[in-house]
Protein backbone atom coordinates (compact mmCIF):
# COMPACT_ATOMS: atom_id res chain seq x y z
CA UNK A 1 0.00 0.00 0.00
CA UNK A 2 1.59 3.28 -1.03
CA UNK A 3 1.10 6.36 1.12
CA UNK A 4 0.86 10.06 0.39
CA UNK A 5 -0.67 11.80 3.39
CA UNK A 6 -2.29 15.15 4.25
CA UNK A 7 -3.44 15.68 7.84
CA UNK A 8 -5.54 17.98 9.98
CA UNK A 9 -5.20 17.03 13.64
CA UNK A 10 -7.06 13.71 13.74
CA UNK A 11 -8.31 13.67 10.11
CA UNK A 12 -6.07 12.13 7.43
CA UNK A 13 -6.46 12.05 3.64
CA UNK A 14 -4.07 10.15 1.40
CA UNK A 15 -3.68 8.43 -1.95
CA UNK A 16 -3.42 4.66 -1.60
CA UNK A 17 -2.83 1.59 -3.70
CA UNK A 18 -4.43 -1.72 -2.69
CA UNK A 19 -3.57 -4.83 -4.73
CA UNK A 20 -2.57 -2.63 -7.67
CA UNK A 21 -5.74 -0.49 -7.60
CA UNK A 22 -5.39 3.26 -6.99
CA UNK A 23 -7.71 5.11 -4.67
CA UNK A 24 -8.04 7.38 -1.67
CA UNK A 25 -8.32 6.90 2.06
CA UNK A 26 -9.97 9.18 4.60
CA UNK A 27 -9.37 8.28 8.24
CA UNK A 28 -10.24 9.69 11.64
CA UNK A 29 -8.05 8.92 14.65
CA UNK A 30 -9.86 9.28 17.97
CA UNK A 31 -8.11 10.10 21.27
CA UNK A 32 -9.25 6.70 22.60
CA UNK A 33 -6.82 4.96 20.22
CA UNK A 34 -9.57 3.89 17.82
CA UNK A 35 -9.32 4.69 14.11
CA UNK A 36 -12.00 4.71 11.39
CA UNK A 37 -10.83 4.51 7.77
CA UNK A 38 -12.84 4.58 4.55
CA UNK A 39 -11.06 3.57 1.35
CA UNK A 40 -12.40 4.54 -2.08
CA UNK A 41 -11.28 2.59 -5.15
CA UNK A 42 -12.52 3.69 -8.60
CA UNK A 43 -12.21 0.90 -11.17
CA UNK A 44 -13.88 0.86 -14.59
CA UNK A 45 -16.46 3.43 -13.53
CA UNK A 46 -17.40 1.53 -10.38
CA UNK A 47 -16.60 2.82 -6.90
CA UNK A 48 -15.67 0.28 -4.25
CA UNK A 49 -15.72 1.20 -0.55
CA UNK A 50 -13.66 -0.58 2.09
CA UNK A 51 -14.12 0.34 5.77
CA UNK A 52 -11.64 -0.41 8.55
CA UNK A 53 -12.47 0.23 12.22
CA UNK A 54 -10.24 -0.68 15.15
CA UNK A 55 -7.27 0.20 17.30
CA UNK A 56 -4.80 2.33 15.40
CA UNK A 57 -1.91 0.03 16.30
CA UNK A 58 -3.79 -3.03 14.98
CA UNK A 59 -4.71 -1.31 11.72
CA UNK A 60 -1.10 -0.22 11.12
CA UNK A 61 -0.01 -3.85 11.59
CA UNK A 62 -2.64 -5.10 9.10
CA UNK A 63 -1.55 -2.62 6.43
CA UNK A 64 2.08 -3.77 6.39
PDB file of N, CA and C in Angstrom:
ATOM      1  N   UNK A   1       0.849  -1.165   0.000  1.00  0.00           N
ATOM      2  CA  UNK A   1       0.000   0.000   0.000  1.00  0.00           C
ATOM      3  C   UNK A   1       0.896   1.230   0.000  1.00  0.00           C
ATOM      4  N   UNK A   2       0.789   2.073  -1.008  1.00  0.00           N
ATOM      5  CA  UNK A   2       1.590   3.283  -1.033  1.00  0.00           C
ATOM      6  C   UNK A   2       0.890   4.378  -0.242  1.00  0.00           C
ATOM      7  N   UNK A   3       1.679   5.339   0.248  1.00  0.00           N
ATOM      8  CA  UNK A   3       1.103   6.363   1.115  1.00  0.00           C
ATOM      9  C   UNK A   3       1.541   7.755   0.661  1.00  0.00           C
ATOM     10  N   UNK A   4       0.608   8.654   0.620  1.00  0.00           N
ATOM     11  CA  UNK A   4       0.860  10.065   0.388  1.00  0.00           C
ATOM     12  C   UNK A   4      -0.157  10.789   1.242  1.00  0.00           C
ATOM     13  N   UNK A   5       0.255  11.406   2.334  1.00  0.00           N
ATOM     14  CA  UNK A   5      -0.668  11.803   3.394  1.00  0.00           C
ATOM     15  C   UNK A   5      -0.772  13.317   3.553  1.00  0.00           C
ATOM     16  N   UNK A   6      -2.011  13.780   3.811  1.00  0.00           N
ATOM     17  CA  UNK A   6      -2.294  15.147   4.251  1.00  0.00           C
ATOM     18  C   UNK A   6      -3.074  15.008   5.539  1.00  0.00           C
ATOM     19  N   UNK A   7      -2.780  15.831   6.543  1.00  0.00           N
ATOM     20  CA  UNK A   7      -3.440  15.676   7.836  1.00  0.00           C
ATOM     21  C   UNK A   7      -3.982  16.997   8.372  1.00  0.00           C
ATOM     22  N   UNK A   8      -5.012  16.886   9.177  1.00  0.00           N
ATOM     23  CA  UNK A   8      -5.545  17.982   9.982  1.00  0.00           C
ATOM     24  C   UNK A   8      -5.899  17.385  11.323  1.00  0.00           C
ATOM     25  N   UNK A   9      -5.042  17.572  12.302  1.00  0.00           N
ATOM     26  CA  UNK A   9      -5.203  17.027  13.644  1.00  0.00           C
ATOM     27  C   UNK A   9      -5.496  15.540  13.588  1.00  0.00           C
ATOM     28  N   UNK A  10      -6.752  15.138  13.706  1.00  0.00           N
ATOM     29  CA  UNK A  10      -7.057  13.712  13.738  1.00  0.00           C
ATOM     30  C   UNK A  10      -7.698  13.217  12.440  1.00  0.00           C
ATOM     31  N   UNK A  11      -7.736  14.045  11.393  1.00  0.00           N
ATOM     32  CA  UNK A  11      -8.313  13.666  10.106  1.00  0.00           C
ATOM     33  C   UNK A  11      -7.196  13.534   9.081  1.00  0.00           C
ATOM     34  N   UNK A  12      -7.129  12.383   8.420  1.00  0.00           N
ATOM     35  CA  UNK A  12      -6.074  12.126   7.431  1.00  0.00           C
ATOM     36  C   UNK A  12      -6.693  11.828   6.077  1.00  0.00           C
ATOM     37  N   UNK A  13      -6.044  12.305   5.014  1.00  0.00           N
ATOM     38  CA  UNK A  13      -6.459  12.051   3.638  1.00  0.00           C
ATOM     39  C   UNK A  13      -5.204  11.674   2.865  1.00  0.00           C
ATOM     40  N   UNK A  14      -5.259  10.547   2.151  1.00  0.00           N
ATOM     41  CA  UNK A  14      -4.070  10.152   1.402  1.00  0.00           C
ATOM     42  C   UNK A  14      -4.429   9.295   0.201  1.00  0.00           C
ATOM     43  N   UNK A  15      -3.551   9.322  -0.801  1.00  0.00           N
ATOM     44  CA  UNK A  15      -3.675   8.431  -1.945  1.00  0.00           C
ATOM     45  C   UNK A  15      -3.167   7.066  -1.507  1.00  0.00           C
ATOM     46  N   UNK A  16      -3.833   6.008  -1.972  1.00  0.00           N
ATOM     47  CA  UNK A  16      -3.424   4.660  -1.602  1.00  0.00           C
ATOM     48  C   UNK A  16      -3.413   3.766  -2.834  1.00  0.00           C
ATOM     49  N   UNK A  17      -2.793   2.623  -2.679  1.00  0.00           N
ATOM     50  CA  UNK A  17      -2.832   1.588  -3.700  1.00  0.00           C
ATOM     51  C   UNK A  17      -3.033   0.262  -2.976  1.00  0.00           C
ATOM     52  N   UNK A  18      -4.116  -0.435  -3.296  1.00  0.00           N
ATOM     53  CA  UNK A  18      -4.432  -1.722  -2.691  1.00  0.00           C
ATOM     54  C   UNK A  18      -4.485  -2.759  -3.801  1.00  0.00           C
ATOM     55  N   UNK A  19      -3.628  -3.748  -3.719  1.00  0.00           N
ATOM     56  CA  UNK A  19      -3.571  -4.828  -4.725  1.00  0.00           C
ATOM     57  C   UNK A  19      -3.493  -4.287  -6.149  1.00  0.00           C
ATOM     58  N   UNK A  20      -2.758  -3.200  -6.347  1.00  0.00           N
ATOM     59  CA  UNK A  20      -2.570  -2.628  -7.672  1.00  0.00           C
ATOM     60  C   UNK A  20      -3.634  -1.632  -8.096  1.00  0.00           C
ATOM     61  N   UNK A  21      -4.666  -1.432  -7.284  1.00  0.00           N
ATOM     62  CA  UNK A  21      -5.738  -0.485  -7.604  1.00  0.00           C
ATOM     63  C   UNK A  21      -5.501   0.823  -6.857  1.00  0.00           C
ATOM     64  N   UNK A  22      -5.597   1.944  -7.586  1.00  0.00           N
ATOM     65  CA  UNK A  22      -5.389   3.255  -6.990  1.00  0.00           C
ATOM     66  C   UNK A  22      -6.681   3.783  -6.386  1.00  0.00           C
ATOM     67  N   UNK A  23      -6.536   4.534  -5.315  1.00  0.00           N
ATOM     68  CA  UNK A  23      -7.708   5.107  -4.669  1.00  0.00           C
ATOM     69  C   UNK A  23      -7.310   6.122  -3.625  1.00  0.00           C
ATOM     70  N   UNK A  24      -8.244   6.407  -2.735  1.00  0.00           N
ATOM     71  CA  UNK A  24      -8.036   7.382  -1.671  1.00  0.00           C
ATOM     72  C   UNK A  24      -8.510   6.815  -0.345  1.00  0.00           C
ATOM     73  N   UNK A  25      -7.921   7.304   0.717  1.00  0.00           N
ATOM     74  CA  UNK A  25      -8.318   6.901   2.060  1.00  0.00           C
ATOM     75  C   UNK A  25      -8.554   8.144   2.906  1.00  0.00           C
ATOM     76  N   UNK A  26      -9.671   8.140   3.613  1.00  0.00           N
ATOM     77  CA  UNK A  26      -9.971   9.175   4.602  1.00  0.00           C
ATOM     78  C   UNK A  26     -10.067   8.462   5.935  1.00  0.00           C
ATOM     79  N   UNK A  27      -9.325   8.937   6.939  1.00  0.00           N
ATOM     80  CA  UNK A  27      -9.369   8.276   8.239  1.00  0.00           C
ATOM     81  C   UNK A  27      -9.461   9.307   9.358  1.00  0.00           C
ATOM     82  N   UNK A  28     -10.096   8.876  10.430  1.00  0.00           N
ATOM     83  CA  UNK A  28     -10.239   9.688  11.637  1.00  0.00           C
ATOM     84  C   UNK A  28      -9.620   8.912  12.778  1.00  0.00           C
ATOM     85  N   UNK A  29      -8.682   9.532  13.480  1.00  0.00           N
ATOM     86  CA  UNK A  29      -8.050   8.919  14.650  1.00  0.00           C
ATOM     87  C   UNK A  29      -8.616   9.574  15.899  1.00  0.00           C
ATOM     88  N   UNK A  30      -9.259   8.778  16.735  1.00  0.00           N
ATOM     89  CA  UNK A  30      -9.862   9.278  17.968  1.00  0.00           C
ATOM     90  C   UNK A  30      -8.857   9.207  19.122  1.00  0.00           C
ATOM     91  N   UNK A  31      -9.031  10.046  20.122  1.00  0.00           N
ATOM     92  CA  UNK A  31      -8.115  10.097  21.267  1.00  0.00           C
ATOM     93  C   UNK A  31      -8.139   8.807  22.083  1.00  0.00           C
ATOM     94  N   UNK A  32      -9.141   7.982  21.882  1.00  0.00           N
ATOM     95  CA  UNK A  32      -9.248   6.703  22.600  1.00  0.00           C
ATOM     96  C   UNK A  32      -8.353   5.625  21.995  1.00  0.00           C
ATOM     97  N   UNK A  33      -7.677   5.938  20.879  1.00  0.00           N
ATOM     98  CA  UNK A  33      -6.818   4.958  20.219  1.00  0.00           C
ATOM     99  C   UNK A  33      -7.530   4.187  19.126  1.00  0.00           C
ATOM    100  N   UNK A  34      -8.787   4.538  18.865  1.00  0.00           N
ATOM    101  CA  UNK A  34      -9.569   3.886  17.816  1.00  0.00           C
ATOM    102  C   UNK A  34      -9.461   4.714  16.535  1.00  0.00           C
ATOM    103  N   UNK A  35      -9.415   4.030  15.404  1.00  0.00           N
ATOM    104  CA  UNK A  35      -9.325   4.692  14.113  1.00  0.00           C
ATOM    105  C   UNK A  35     -10.430   4.175  13.200  1.00  0.00           C
ATOM    106  N   UNK A  36     -11.007   5.069  12.397  1.00  0.00           N
ATOM    107  CA  UNK A  36     -12.001   4.713  11.386  1.00  0.00           C
ATOM    108  C   UNK A  36     -11.444   5.140  10.041  1.00  0.00           C
ATOM    109  N   UNK A  37     -11.343   4.211   9.105  1.00  0.00           N
ATOM    110  CA  UNK A  37     -10.831   4.514   7.770  1.00  0.00           C
ATOM    111  C   UNK A  37     -11.832   4.082   6.721  1.00  0.00           C
ATOM    112  N   UNK A  38     -12.007   4.921   5.703  1.00  0.00           N
ATOM    113  CA  UNK A  38     -12.841   4.575   4.553  1.00  0.00           C
ATOM    114  C   UNK A  38     -11.955   4.705   3.323  1.00  0.00           C
ATOM    115  N   UNK A  39     -11.868   3.616   2.567  1.00  0.00           N
ATOM    116  CA  UNK A  39     -11.062   3.568   1.348  1.00  0.00           C
ATOM    117  C   UNK A  39     -11.981   3.589   0.138  1.00  0.00           C
ATOM    118  N   UNK A  40     -11.634   4.402  -0.849  1.00  0.00           N
ATOM    119  CA  UNK A  40     -12.398   4.536  -2.078  1.00  0.00           C
ATOM    120  C   UNK A  40     -11.530   4.078  -3.240  1.00  0.00           C
ATOM    121  N   UNK A  41     -11.984   3.072  -3.973  1.00  0.00           N
ATOM    122  CA  UNK A  41     -11.276   2.591  -5.154  1.00  0.00           C
ATOM    123  C   UNK A  41     -12.208   2.783  -6.348  1.00  0.00           C
ATOM    124  N   UNK A  42     -11.744   3.490  -7.370  1.00  0.00           N
ATOM    125  CA  UNK A  42     -12.519   3.695  -8.596  1.00  0.00           C
ATOM    126  C   UNK A  42     -11.916   2.789  -9.665  1.00  0.00           C
ATOM    127  N   UNK A  43     -12.707   1.838 -10.163  1.00  0.00           N
ATOM    128  CA  UNK A  43     -12.212   0.895 -11.167  1.00  0.00           C
ATOM    129  C   UNK A  43     -13.292   0.688 -12.229  1.00  0.00           C
ATOM    130  N   UNK A  44     -12.964   1.006 -13.456  1.00  0.00           N
ATOM    131  CA  UNK A  44     -13.879   0.856 -14.595  1.00  0.00           C
ATOM    132  C   UNK A  44     -15.234   1.522 -14.350  1.00  0.00           C
ATOM    133  N   UNK A  45     -15.228   2.694 -13.765  1.00  0.00           N
ATOM    134  CA  UNK A  45     -16.463   3.427 -13.534  1.00  0.00           C
ATOM    135  C   UNK A  45     -17.251   2.980 -12.318  1.00  0.00           C
ATOM    136  N   UNK A  46     -16.766   1.988 -11.609  1.00  0.00           N
ATOM    137  CA  UNK A  46     -17.404   1.532 -10.379  1.00  0.00           C
ATOM    138  C   UNK A  46     -16.596   2.004  -9.182  1.00  0.00           C
ATOM    139  N   UNK A  47     -17.272   2.393  -8.121  1.00  0.00           N
ATOM    140  CA  UNK A  47     -16.597   2.825  -6.904  1.00  0.00           C
ATOM    141  C   UNK A  47     -16.775   1.740  -5.848  1.00  0.00           C
ATOM    142  N   UNK A  48     -15.654   1.292  -5.293  1.00  0.00           N
ATOM    143  CA  UNK A  48     -15.666   0.281  -4.247  1.00  0.00           C
ATOM    144  C   UNK A  48     -15.256   0.930  -2.935  1.00  0.00           C
ATOM    145  N   UNK A  49     -15.984   0.634  -1.872  1.00  0.00           N
ATOM    146  CA  UNK A  49     -15.715   1.201  -0.554  1.00  0.00           C
ATOM    147  C   UNK A  49     -15.252   0.096   0.377  1.00  0.00           C
ATOM    148  N   UNK A  50     -14.196   0.368   1.118  1.00  0.00           N
ATOM    149  CA  UNK A  50     -13.660  -0.583   2.092  1.00  0.00           C
ATOM    150  C   UNK A  50     -13.506   0.166   3.401  1.00  0.00           C
ATOM    151  N   UNK A  51     -14.181  -0.295   4.455  1.00  0.00           N
ATOM    152  CA  UNK A  51     -14.119   0.337   5.769  1.00  0.00           C
ATOM    153  C   UNK A  51     -13.250  -0.482   6.710  1.00  0.00           C
ATOM    154  N   UNK A  52     -12.465   0.221   7.519  1.00  0.00           N
ATOM    155  CA  UNK A  52     -11.640  -0.415   8.547  1.00  0.00           C
ATOM    156  C   UNK A  52     -11.869   0.346   9.845  1.00  0.00           C
ATOM    157  N   UNK A  53     -12.252  -0.377  10.903  1.00  0.00           N
ATOM    158  CA  UNK A  53     -12.466   0.230  12.216  1.00  0.00           C
ATOM    159  C   UNK A  53     -11.716  -0.610  13.241  1.00  0.00           C
ATOM    160  N   UNK A  54     -10.949   0.050  14.108  1.00  0.00           N
ATOM    161  CA  UNK A  54     -10.239  -0.683  15.152  1.00  0.00           C
ATOM    162  C   UNK A  54      -9.183   0.160  15.819  1.00  0.00           C
ATOM    163  N   UNK A  55      -8.383  -0.494  16.655  1.00  0.00           N
ATOM    164  CA  UNK A  55      -7.269   0.195  17.305  1.00  0.00           C
ATOM    165  C   UNK A  55      -6.251   0.599  16.253  1.00  0.00           C
ATOM    166  N   UNK A  56      -5.754   1.811  16.375  1.00  0.00           N
ATOM    167  CA  UNK A  56      -4.796   2.329  15.401  1.00  0.00           C
ATOM    168  C   UNK A  56      -3.586   1.410  15.253  1.00  0.00           C
ATOM    169  N   UNK A  57      -3.075   0.902  16.361  1.00  0.00           N
ATOM    170  CA  UNK A  57      -1.906   0.027  16.304  1.00  0.00           C
ATOM    171  C   UNK A  57      -2.205  -1.267  15.546  1.00  0.00           C
ATOM    172  N   UNK A  58      -3.406  -1.812  15.698  1.00  0.00           N
ATOM    173  CA  UNK A  58      -3.786  -3.031  14.983  1.00  0.00           C
ATOM    174  C   UNK A  58      -3.947  -2.779  13.492  1.00  0.00           C
ATOM    175  N   UNK A  59      -4.526  -1.647  13.135  1.00  0.00           N
ATOM    176  CA  UNK A  59      -4.711  -1.306  11.722  1.00  0.00           C
ATOM    177  C   UNK A  59      -3.369  -1.111  11.038  1.00  0.00           C
ATOM    178  N   UNK A  60      -2.436  -0.416  11.687  1.00  0.00           N
ATOM    179  CA  UNK A  60      -1.103  -0.217  11.120  1.00  0.00           C
ATOM    180  C   UNK A  60      -0.431  -1.556  10.864  1.00  0.00           C
ATOM    181  N   UNK A  61      -0.600  -2.511  11.744  1.00  0.00           N
ATOM    182  CA  UNK A  61      -0.008  -3.845  11.586  1.00  0.00           C
ATOM    183  C   UNK A  61      -0.639  -4.564  10.391  1.00  0.00           C
ATOM    184  N   UNK A  62      -1.944  -4.443  10.218  1.00  0.00           N
ATOM    185  CA  UNK A  62      -2.640  -5.100   9.104  1.00  0.00           C
ATOM    186  C   UNK A  62      -2.204  -4.543   7.745  1.00  0.00           C
ATOM    187  N   UNK A  63      -1.880  -3.268   7.685  1.00  0.00           N
ATOM    188  CA  UNK A  63      -1.552  -2.616   6.429  1.00  0.00           C
ATOM    189  C   UNK A  63      -0.108  -2.824   5.987  1.00  0.00           C
ATOM    190  N   UNK A  64       0.680  -3.515   6.768  1.00  0.00           N
ATOM    191  CA  UNK A  64       2.083  -3.767   6.386  1.00  0.00           C
ATOM    192  C   UNK A  64       2.169  -4.762   5.264  1.00  0.00           C
TER     193      UNK A  64
END
